[in-house]
Amino acid sequence: MAMLPTALQQGIAEFNQQEFYACHDTLEALWMDSTEPDRRFYQGLLQVAVACYHLGNLNWQGAVTLLGEGTRRLYDYQPRYATIDVEQLLEESFTLLESLQQTNPEHLGSLLAQIQSDRPQDAAYHFPTVRFIPN
């Protein structure tokens, strides 16, 4: 992970700890100061994080919109970007997006409860995580 900028490492740690608001702040600063191709990647990752933040606040529209935008931005970075397993991140993000799209916004609380119930074996019911592929 040494080749990743320190701020990105911090943002990924916050993302994986489901500290999505802190992750937003960290990645936004990195995104604003970056150039392509990093800029679009950081923005996509940032949007997935903000989507998860919206989900945590029961904002169905915000979660669906930003998850869709974030995954579109990350799509061209598959299967990996630097040491990040983008393919896996997208699989989990698409699964969550599909679950959200199939959930009535009034029932978002029950979906969130399932996500927060620590059932990682059920891929439809967890926040995405960022994993690394060794060099």
N, C-alpha and C. Protein backbone atom coordinates (compact mmCIF):
# COMPACT_ATOMS: atom_id res chain seq x y z
N MET A 1 0.82 -1.19 0.00
CA MET A 1 0.00 0.00 0.00
C MET A 1 0.86 1.25 0.00
N ALA A 2 2.16 1.11 0.00
CA ALA A 2 3.07 2.24 0.11
C ALA A 2 2.95 3.21 -1.06
N MET A 3 2.56 2.73 -2.24
CA MET A 3 2.50 3.62 -3.39
C MET A 3 1.26 4.52 -3.40
N LEU A 4 0.30 4.27 -2.51
CA LEU A 4 -0.89 5.11 -2.44
C LEU A 4 -0.61 6.34 -1.60
N PRO A 5 -1.15 7.49 -2.00
CA PRO A 5 -0.98 8.69 -1.18
C PRO A 5 -1.54 8.46 0.23
N THR A 6 -0.91 9.09 1.20
CA THR A 6 -1.31 8.94 2.60
C THR A 6 -2.78 9.29 2.79
N ALA A 7 -3.25 10.35 2.16
CA ALA A 7 -4.65 10.75 2.30
C ALA A 7 -5.59 9.68 1.75
N LEU A 8 -5.20 9.02 0.66
CA LEU A 8 -6.02 7.94 0.12
C LEU A 8 -6.04 6.76 1.07
N GLN A 9 -4.90 6.42 1.64
CA GLN A 9 -4.85 5.34 2.62
C GLN A 9 -5.77 5.65 3.81
N GLN A 10 -5.75 6.91 4.24
CA GLN A 10 -6.61 7.33 5.35
C GLN A 10 -8.08 7.23 4.95
N GLY A 11 -8.42 7.72 3.76
CA GLY A 11 -9.79 7.68 3.28
C GLY A 11 -10.31 6.26 3.15
N ILE A 12 -9.46 5.36 2.68
CA ILE A 12 -9.86 3.95 2.54
C ILE A 12 -10.08 3.33 3.91
N ALA A 13 -9.21 3.65 4.87
CA ALA A 13 -9.39 3.13 6.23
C ALA A 13 -10.72 3.63 6.80
N GLU A 14 -11.03 4.91 6.59
CA GLU A 14 -12.30 5.45 7.07
C GLU A 14 -13.48 4.79 6.36
N PHE A 15 -13.35 4.58 5.07
CA PHE A 15 -14.38 3.91 4.28
C PHE A 15 -14.66 2.52 4.87
N ASN A 16 -13.61 1.75 5.07
CA ASN A 16 -13.76 0.38 5.54
C ASN A 16 -14.24 0.30 6.99
N GLN A 17 -14.03 1.37 7.75
CA GLN A 17 -14.54 1.43 9.12
C GLN A 17 -15.95 2.03 9.16
N GLN A 18 -16.51 2.28 7.97
CA GLN A 18 -17.84 2.84 7.79
C GLN A 18 -17.97 4.23 8.43
N GLU A 19 -16.86 4.96 8.43
CA GLU A 19 -16.84 6.36 8.87
C GLU A 19 -16.96 7.21 7.60
N PHE A 20 -18.16 7.16 7.00
CA PHE A 20 -18.34 7.71 5.67
C PHE A 20 -18.27 9.23 5.62
N TYR A 21 -18.66 9.91 6.69
CA TYR A 21 -18.56 11.36 6.69
C TYR A 21 -17.10 11.79 6.72
N ALA A 22 -16.32 11.17 7.59
CA ALA A 22 -14.88 11.48 7.66
C ALA A 22 -14.20 11.12 6.33
N CYS A 23 -14.60 9.99 5.76
CA CYS A 23 -14.06 9.56 4.47
C CYS A 23 -14.35 10.61 3.41
N HIS A 24 -15.55 11.14 3.41
CA HIS A 24 -15.92 12.20 2.46
C HIS A 24 -14.97 13.38 2.57
N ASP A 25 -14.73 13.84 3.79
CA ASP A 25 -13.84 14.99 3.98
C ASP A 25 -12.43 14.69 3.49
N THR A 26 -11.93 13.51 3.82
CA THR A 26 -10.57 13.13 3.43
C THR A 26 -10.45 13.02 1.91
N LEU A 27 -11.39 12.30 1.29
CA LEU A 27 -11.29 12.09 -0.15
C LEU A 27 -11.62 13.34 -0.96
N GLU A 28 -12.49 14.19 -0.43
CA GLU A 28 -12.82 15.41 -1.17
C GLU A 28 -11.59 16.31 -1.30
N ALA A 29 -10.83 16.44 -0.24
CA ALA A 29 -9.61 17.25 -0.29
C ALA A 29 -8.62 16.65 -1.29
N LEU A 30 -8.49 15.34 -1.29
CA LEU A 30 -7.59 14.66 -2.21
C LEU A 30 -8.07 14.84 -3.65
N TRP A 31 -9.35 14.65 -3.88
CA TRP A 31 -9.95 14.77 -5.22
C TRP A 31 -9.77 16.18 -5.77
N MET A 32 -10.02 17.19 -4.95
CA MET A 32 -9.93 18.57 -5.41
C MET A 32 -8.52 18.95 -5.84
N ASP A 33 -7.51 18.33 -5.22
CA ASP A 33 -6.11 18.67 -5.52
C ASP A 33 -5.46 17.75 -6.55
N SER A 34 -6.22 16.82 -7.12
CA SER A 34 -5.62 15.82 -8.00
C SER A 34 -5.85 16.15 -9.48
N THR A 35 -5.17 15.39 -10.31
CA THR A 35 -5.33 15.49 -11.77
C THR A 35 -5.70 14.10 -12.29
N GLU A 36 -6.13 14.05 -13.54
CA GLU A 36 -6.50 12.76 -14.15
C GLU A 36 -5.25 11.90 -14.32
N PRO A 37 -5.37 10.59 -14.24
CA PRO A 37 -6.59 9.80 -14.07
C PRO A 37 -7.01 9.62 -12.62
N ASP A 38 -6.18 10.08 -11.66
CA ASP A 38 -6.52 9.92 -10.25
C ASP A 38 -7.82 10.64 -9.88
N ARG A 39 -8.01 11.82 -10.44
CA ARG A 39 -9.15 12.66 -10.06
C ARG A 39 -10.48 11.94 -10.22
N ARG A 40 -10.69 11.33 -11.35
CA ARG A 40 -11.96 10.62 -11.60
C ARG A 40 -12.10 9.41 -10.67
N PHE A 41 -11.01 8.71 -10.43
CA PHE A 41 -11.05 7.57 -9.51
C PHE A 41 -11.43 8.03 -8.11
N TYR A 42 -10.77 9.07 -7.61
CA TYR A 42 -11.07 9.58 -6.27
C TYR A 42 -12.52 10.03 -6.17
N GLN A 43 -13.01 10.68 -7.23
CA GLN A 43 -14.39 11.15 -7.22
C GLN A 43 -15.36 9.96 -7.15
N GLY A 44 -15.09 8.91 -7.91
CA GLY A 44 -15.94 7.73 -7.88
C GLY A 44 -15.97 7.08 -6.51
N LEU A 45 -14.80 6.93 -5.90
CA LEU A 45 -14.72 6.35 -4.56
C LEU A 45 -15.44 7.25 -3.55
N LEU A 46 -15.24 8.54 -3.68
CA LEU A 46 -15.91 9.51 -2.83
C LEU A 46 -17.43 9.39 -2.95
N GLN A 47 -17.93 9.24 -4.17
CA GLN A 47 -19.38 9.15 -4.38
C GLN A 47 -19.94 7.86 -3.78
N VAL A 48 -19.21 6.76 -3.85
CA VAL A 48 -19.69 5.53 -3.22
C VAL A 48 -19.75 5.73 -1.70
N ALA A 49 -18.75 6.38 -1.14
CA ALA A 49 -18.75 6.65 0.30
C ALA A 49 -19.94 7.53 0.70
N VAL A 50 -20.20 8.57 -0.08
CA VAL A 50 -21.32 9.47 0.24
C VAL A 50 -22.64 8.73 0.07
N ALA A 51 -22.73 7.83 -0.89
CA ALA A 51 -23.93 7.01 -1.05
C ALA A 51 -24.18 6.20 0.22
N CYS A 52 -23.13 5.61 0.76
CA CYS A 52 -23.26 4.83 2.00
C CYS A 52 -23.65 5.74 3.17
N TYR A 53 -23.11 6.94 3.19
CA TYR A 53 -23.50 7.92 4.22
C TYR A 53 -24.99 8.23 4.11
N HIS A 54 -25.46 8.47 2.89
CA HIS A 54 -26.88 8.74 2.68
C HIS A 54 -27.74 7.55 3.12
N LEU A 55 -27.30 6.35 2.79
CA LEU A 55 -28.04 5.17 3.22
C LEU A 55 -28.14 5.13 4.75
N GLY A 56 -27.04 5.42 5.41
CA GLY A 56 -27.04 5.44 6.87
C GLY A 56 -27.99 6.47 7.46
N ASN A 57 -28.31 7.48 6.68
CA ASN A 57 -29.26 8.52 7.11
C ASN A 57 -30.64 8.32 6.48
N LEU A 58 -30.86 7.14 5.91
CA LEU A 58 -32.15 6.77 5.32
C LEU A 58 -32.57 7.68 4.18
N ASN A 59 -31.58 8.17 3.44
CA ASN A 59 -31.84 9.01 2.26
C ASN A 59 -31.72 8.10 1.04
N TRP A 60 -32.85 7.49 0.66
CA TRP A 60 -32.88 6.53 -0.44
C TRP A 60 -32.41 7.17 -1.75
N GLN A 61 -32.97 8.32 -2.09
CA GLN A 61 -32.65 8.98 -3.36
C GLN A 61 -31.15 9.33 -3.44
N GLY A 62 -30.61 9.89 -2.38
CA GLY A 62 -29.19 10.23 -2.36
C GLY A 62 -28.31 9.01 -2.48
N ALA A 63 -28.69 7.93 -1.79
CA ALA A 63 -27.90 6.70 -1.84
C ALA A 63 -27.91 6.10 -3.25
N VAL A 64 -29.07 6.00 -3.85
CA VAL A 64 -29.19 5.40 -5.18
C VAL A 64 -28.47 6.25 -6.23
N THR A 65 -28.69 7.56 -6.17
CA THR A 65 -28.08 8.46 -7.16
C THR A 65 -26.56 8.42 -7.09
N LEU A 66 -26.01 8.58 -5.89
CA LEU A 66 -24.55 8.64 -5.77
C LEU A 66 -23.89 7.28 -5.97
N LEU A 67 -24.57 6.21 -5.60
CA LEU A 67 -24.01 4.88 -5.87
C LEU A 67 -23.94 4.65 -7.37
N GLY A 68 -24.96 5.07 -8.09
CA GLY A 68 -24.95 4.96 -9.55
C GLY A 68 -23.85 5.79 -10.18
N GLU A 69 -23.71 7.04 -9.74
CA GLU A 69 -22.69 7.92 -10.30
C GLU A 69 -21.28 7.42 -9.96
N GLY A 70 -21.09 7.00 -8.72
CA GLY A 70 -19.77 6.54 -8.30
C GLY A 70 -19.33 5.29 -9.04
N THR A 71 -20.26 4.35 -9.22
CA THR A 71 -19.89 3.12 -9.92
C THR A 71 -19.60 3.39 -11.39
N ARG A 72 -20.32 4.34 -11.98
CA ARG A 72 -20.03 4.70 -13.39
C ARG A 72 -18.63 5.29 -13.51
N ARG A 73 -18.23 6.09 -12.56
CA ARG A 73 -16.89 6.68 -12.62
C ARG A 73 -15.80 5.63 -12.41
N LEU A 74 -16.06 4.66 -11.56
CA LEU A 74 -15.05 3.64 -11.24
C LEU A 74 -14.96 2.53 -12.29
N TYR A 75 -15.97 2.39 -13.11
CA TYR A 75 -16.09 1.26 -14.03
C TYR A 75 -14.85 1.06 -14.91
N ASP A 76 -14.32 2.13 -15.45
CA ASP A 76 -13.18 2.02 -16.38
C ASP A 76 -11.86 1.72 -15.68
N TYR A 77 -11.84 1.68 -14.36
CA TYR A 77 -10.61 1.43 -13.62
C TYR A 77 -10.45 -0.06 -13.28
N GLN A 78 -11.36 -0.88 -13.76
CA GLN A 78 -11.28 -2.32 -13.48
C GLN A 78 -10.13 -2.96 -14.25
N PRO A 79 -9.57 -4.05 -13.80
CA PRO A 79 -9.94 -4.77 -12.59
C PRO A 79 -9.28 -4.20 -11.34
N ARG A 80 -8.25 -3.37 -11.52
CA ARG A 80 -7.56 -2.79 -10.36
C ARG A 80 -7.03 -1.42 -10.72
N TYR A 81 -6.87 -0.63 -9.69
CA TYR A 81 -6.25 0.68 -9.85
C TYR A 81 -5.23 0.81 -8.75
N ALA A 82 -3.98 1.00 -9.14
CA ALA A 82 -2.86 0.91 -8.19
C ALA A 82 -2.96 -0.46 -7.54
N THR A 83 -3.14 -0.54 -6.24
CA THR A 83 -3.27 -1.83 -5.56
C THR A 83 -4.70 -2.11 -5.12
N ILE A 84 -5.66 -1.30 -5.59
CA ILE A 84 -7.05 -1.41 -5.16
C ILE A 84 -7.82 -2.36 -6.08
N ASP A 85 -8.54 -3.28 -5.48
CA ASP A 85 -9.36 -4.25 -6.21
C ASP A 85 -10.67 -3.57 -6.60
N VAL A 86 -10.66 -2.89 -7.73
CA VAL A 86 -11.82 -2.13 -8.19
C VAL A 86 -12.95 -3.07 -8.61
N GLU A 87 -12.62 -4.18 -9.21
CA GLU A 87 -13.63 -5.13 -9.64
C GLU A 87 -14.48 -5.60 -8.45
N GLN A 88 -13.84 -5.94 -7.36
CA GLN A 88 -14.55 -6.40 -6.16
C GLN A 88 -15.38 -5.27 -5.57
N LEU A 89 -14.81 -4.06 -5.51
CA LEU A 89 -15.55 -2.91 -4.98
C LEU A 89 -16.81 -2.66 -5.80
N LEU A 90 -16.68 -2.76 -7.12
CA LEU A 90 -17.84 -2.55 -7.98
C LEU A 90 -18.88 -3.66 -7.81
N GLU A 91 -18.44 -4.90 -7.69
CA GLU A 91 -19.39 -6.01 -7.47
C GLU A 91 -20.23 -5.73 -6.23
N GLU A 92 -19.57 -5.37 -5.13
CA GLU A 92 -20.29 -5.11 -3.89
C GLU A 92 -21.18 -3.87 -4.02
N SER A 93 -20.70 -2.86 -4.71
CA SER A 93 -21.48 -1.63 -4.89
C SER A 93 -22.70 -1.88 -5.76
N PHE A 94 -22.54 -2.66 -6.84
CA PHE A 94 -23.68 -2.99 -7.71
C PHE A 94 -24.71 -3.83 -6.95
N THR A 95 -24.24 -4.75 -6.12
CA THR A 95 -25.16 -5.58 -5.33
C THR A 95 -25.96 -4.70 -4.38
N LEU A 96 -25.29 -3.76 -3.73
CA LEU A 96 -25.99 -2.85 -2.83
C LEU A 96 -26.96 -1.98 -3.61
N LEU A 97 -26.54 -1.47 -4.75
CA LEU A 97 -27.41 -0.63 -5.58
C LEU A 97 -28.66 -1.40 -5.99
N GLU A 98 -28.48 -2.64 -6.41
CA GLU A 98 -29.62 -3.46 -6.79
C GLU A 98 -30.57 -3.66 -5.61
N SER A 99 -30.01 -3.92 -4.43
CA SER A 99 -30.84 -4.07 -3.23
C SER A 99 -31.62 -2.80 -2.95
N LEU A 100 -30.97 -1.66 -3.08
CA LEU A 100 -31.64 -0.38 -2.85
C LEU A 100 -32.75 -0.15 -3.87
N GLN A 101 -32.48 -0.46 -5.12
CA GLN A 101 -33.47 -0.25 -6.17
C GLN A 101 -34.70 -1.15 -5.99
N GLN A 102 -34.50 -2.27 -5.33
CA GLN A 102 -35.61 -3.19 -5.09
C GLN A 102 -36.31 -2.92 -3.76
N THR A 103 -35.84 -1.93 -3.03
CA THR A 103 -36.40 -1.60 -1.72
C THR A 103 -37.27 -0.36 -1.83
N ASN A 104 -38.47 -0.46 -1.34
CA ASN A 104 -39.34 0.70 -1.26
C ASN A 104 -38.68 1.70 -0.31
N PRO A 105 -38.58 2.98 -0.69
CA PRO A 105 -37.92 3.95 0.18
C PRO A 105 -38.47 3.98 1.61
N GLU A 106 -39.76 3.66 1.78
CA GLU A 106 -40.34 3.64 3.12
C GLU A 106 -39.80 2.48 3.96
N HIS A 107 -39.21 1.47 3.31
CA HIS A 107 -38.67 0.31 4.02
C HIS A 107 -37.14 0.34 4.11
N LEU A 108 -36.57 1.49 3.86
CA LEU A 108 -35.11 1.60 3.87
C LEU A 108 -34.52 1.30 5.25
N GLY A 109 -35.26 1.63 6.28
CA GLY A 109 -34.80 1.36 7.64
C GLY A 109 -34.56 -0.12 7.89
N SER A 110 -35.43 -0.98 7.36
CA SER A 110 -35.24 -2.41 7.57
C SER A 110 -34.04 -2.92 6.76
N LEU A 111 -33.81 -2.37 5.56
CA LEU A 111 -32.62 -2.75 4.80
C LEU A 111 -31.36 -2.32 5.54
N LEU A 112 -31.38 -1.10 6.08
CA LEU A 112 -30.22 -0.62 6.83
C LEU A 112 -29.97 -1.50 8.05
N ALA A 113 -31.04 -1.92 8.73
CA ALA A 113 -30.88 -2.80 9.89
C ALA A 113 -30.23 -4.12 9.48
N GLN A 114 -30.59 -4.65 8.32
CA GLN A 114 -29.96 -5.88 7.84
C GLN A 114 -28.49 -5.65 7.52
N ILE A 115 -28.18 -4.50 6.93
CA ILE A 115 -26.79 -4.17 6.61
C ILE A 115 -25.97 -4.07 7.89
N GLN A 116 -26.54 -3.48 8.91
CA GLN A 116 -25.81 -3.26 10.16
C GLN A 116 -25.84 -4.46 11.09
N SER A 117 -26.46 -5.57 10.68
CA SER A 117 -26.59 -6.73 11.57
C SER A 117 -25.39 -7.66 11.50
N ASP A 118 -24.34 -7.26 10.78
CA ASP A 118 -23.10 -8.06 10.70
C ASP A 118 -23.35 -9.46 10.14
N ARG A 119 -23.99 -9.50 8.99
CA ARG A 119 -24.17 -10.78 8.29
C ARG A 119 -23.37 -10.72 7.00
N PRO A 120 -22.02 -10.72 7.07
CA PRO A 120 -21.21 -10.56 5.87
C PRO A 120 -21.40 -11.66 4.84
N GLN A 121 -21.94 -12.81 5.25
CA GLN A 121 -22.15 -13.88 4.29
C GLN A 121 -23.25 -13.54 3.30
N ASP A 122 -24.08 -12.57 3.62
CA ASP A 122 -25.18 -12.18 2.74
C ASP A 122 -24.74 -10.92 1.98
N ALA A 123 -24.20 -11.11 0.79
CA ALA A 123 -23.58 -10.01 0.04
C ALA A 123 -24.53 -8.85 -0.24
N ALA A 124 -25.83 -9.12 -0.29
CA ALA A 124 -26.79 -8.06 -0.58
C ALA A 124 -26.93 -7.11 0.60
N TYR A 125 -26.46 -7.52 1.76
CA TYR A 125 -26.72 -6.74 2.95
C TYR A 125 -25.44 -6.33 3.69
N HIS A 126 -24.57 -5.67 2.98
CA HIS A 126 -23.42 -5.05 3.65
C HIS A 126 -22.92 -3.87 2.82
N PHE A 127 -22.25 -2.98 3.51
CA PHE A 127 -21.62 -1.87 2.81
C PHE A 127 -20.43 -2.42 2.03
N PRO A 128 -20.12 -1.83 0.88
CA PRO A 128 -18.91 -2.26 0.15
C PRO A 128 -17.67 -2.01 0.98
N THR A 129 -16.62 -2.74 0.67
CA THR A 129 -15.33 -2.51 1.30
C THR A 129 -14.27 -2.38 0.21
N VAL A 130 -13.20 -1.70 0.53
CA VAL A 130 -12.08 -1.54 -0.39
C VAL A 130 -11.02 -2.55 0.02
N ARG A 131 -10.67 -3.41 -0.93
CA ARG A 131 -9.65 -4.42 -0.68
C ARG A 131 -8.45 -4.14 -1.59
N PHE A 132 -7.35 -4.73 -1.21
CA PHE A 132 -6.11 -4.52 -1.95
C PHE A 132 -5.65 -5.80 -2.61
N ILE A 133 -5.00 -5.65 -3.75
CA ILE A 133 -4.37 -6.75 -4.46
C ILE A 133 -2.87 -6.54 -4.33
N PRO A 134 -2.16 -7.53 -3.79
CA PRO A 134 -0.71 -7.37 -3.66
C PRO A 134 -0.05 -7.17 -5.01
N ASN A 135 1.01 -6.42 -5.02
CA ASN A 135 1.77 -6.19 -6.27
C ASN A 135 2.40 -7.47 -6.77
